[in-house]
């Protein structure tokens, strides 16, 4: 097992914009909504697109932070997720041209391929 950490991460604007563009492209390939042309994303689906964007950024940045700190996720199957309240707040405030920040609890363990963990101020270990 690993130790639980609270991780505060900032996602830069270029990552948010790239993730949003990629997800919009994926959505447009399969979009078929009654009353809308094929490939058109209706306005009511934008919050879902934003949520997927946030989750994609979360996965990338969490992996980057863990690698940087010479740690890895304790369980590759059970990935950390944002609570619903934080997700809703991020979706409401999300703008694809701006970065955002989040805090997440994750169970991490030393990466056997790395050295001793050099815990930065991004990680707060819970005892």
Foldseek 3Di string as FASTA:
>chain_A
DFFKKKFKDKFFLVLLLVLLVVLLQVCLCQDDDPPDPRSDDDPVCQLVSSLSSVVVSVVVVVQVVQVVQQKDAPDPVDFWDDDPVQSVVCSVPDDSRGMGMDITMTGIHHHPVDDHGPDDPRIDTDD
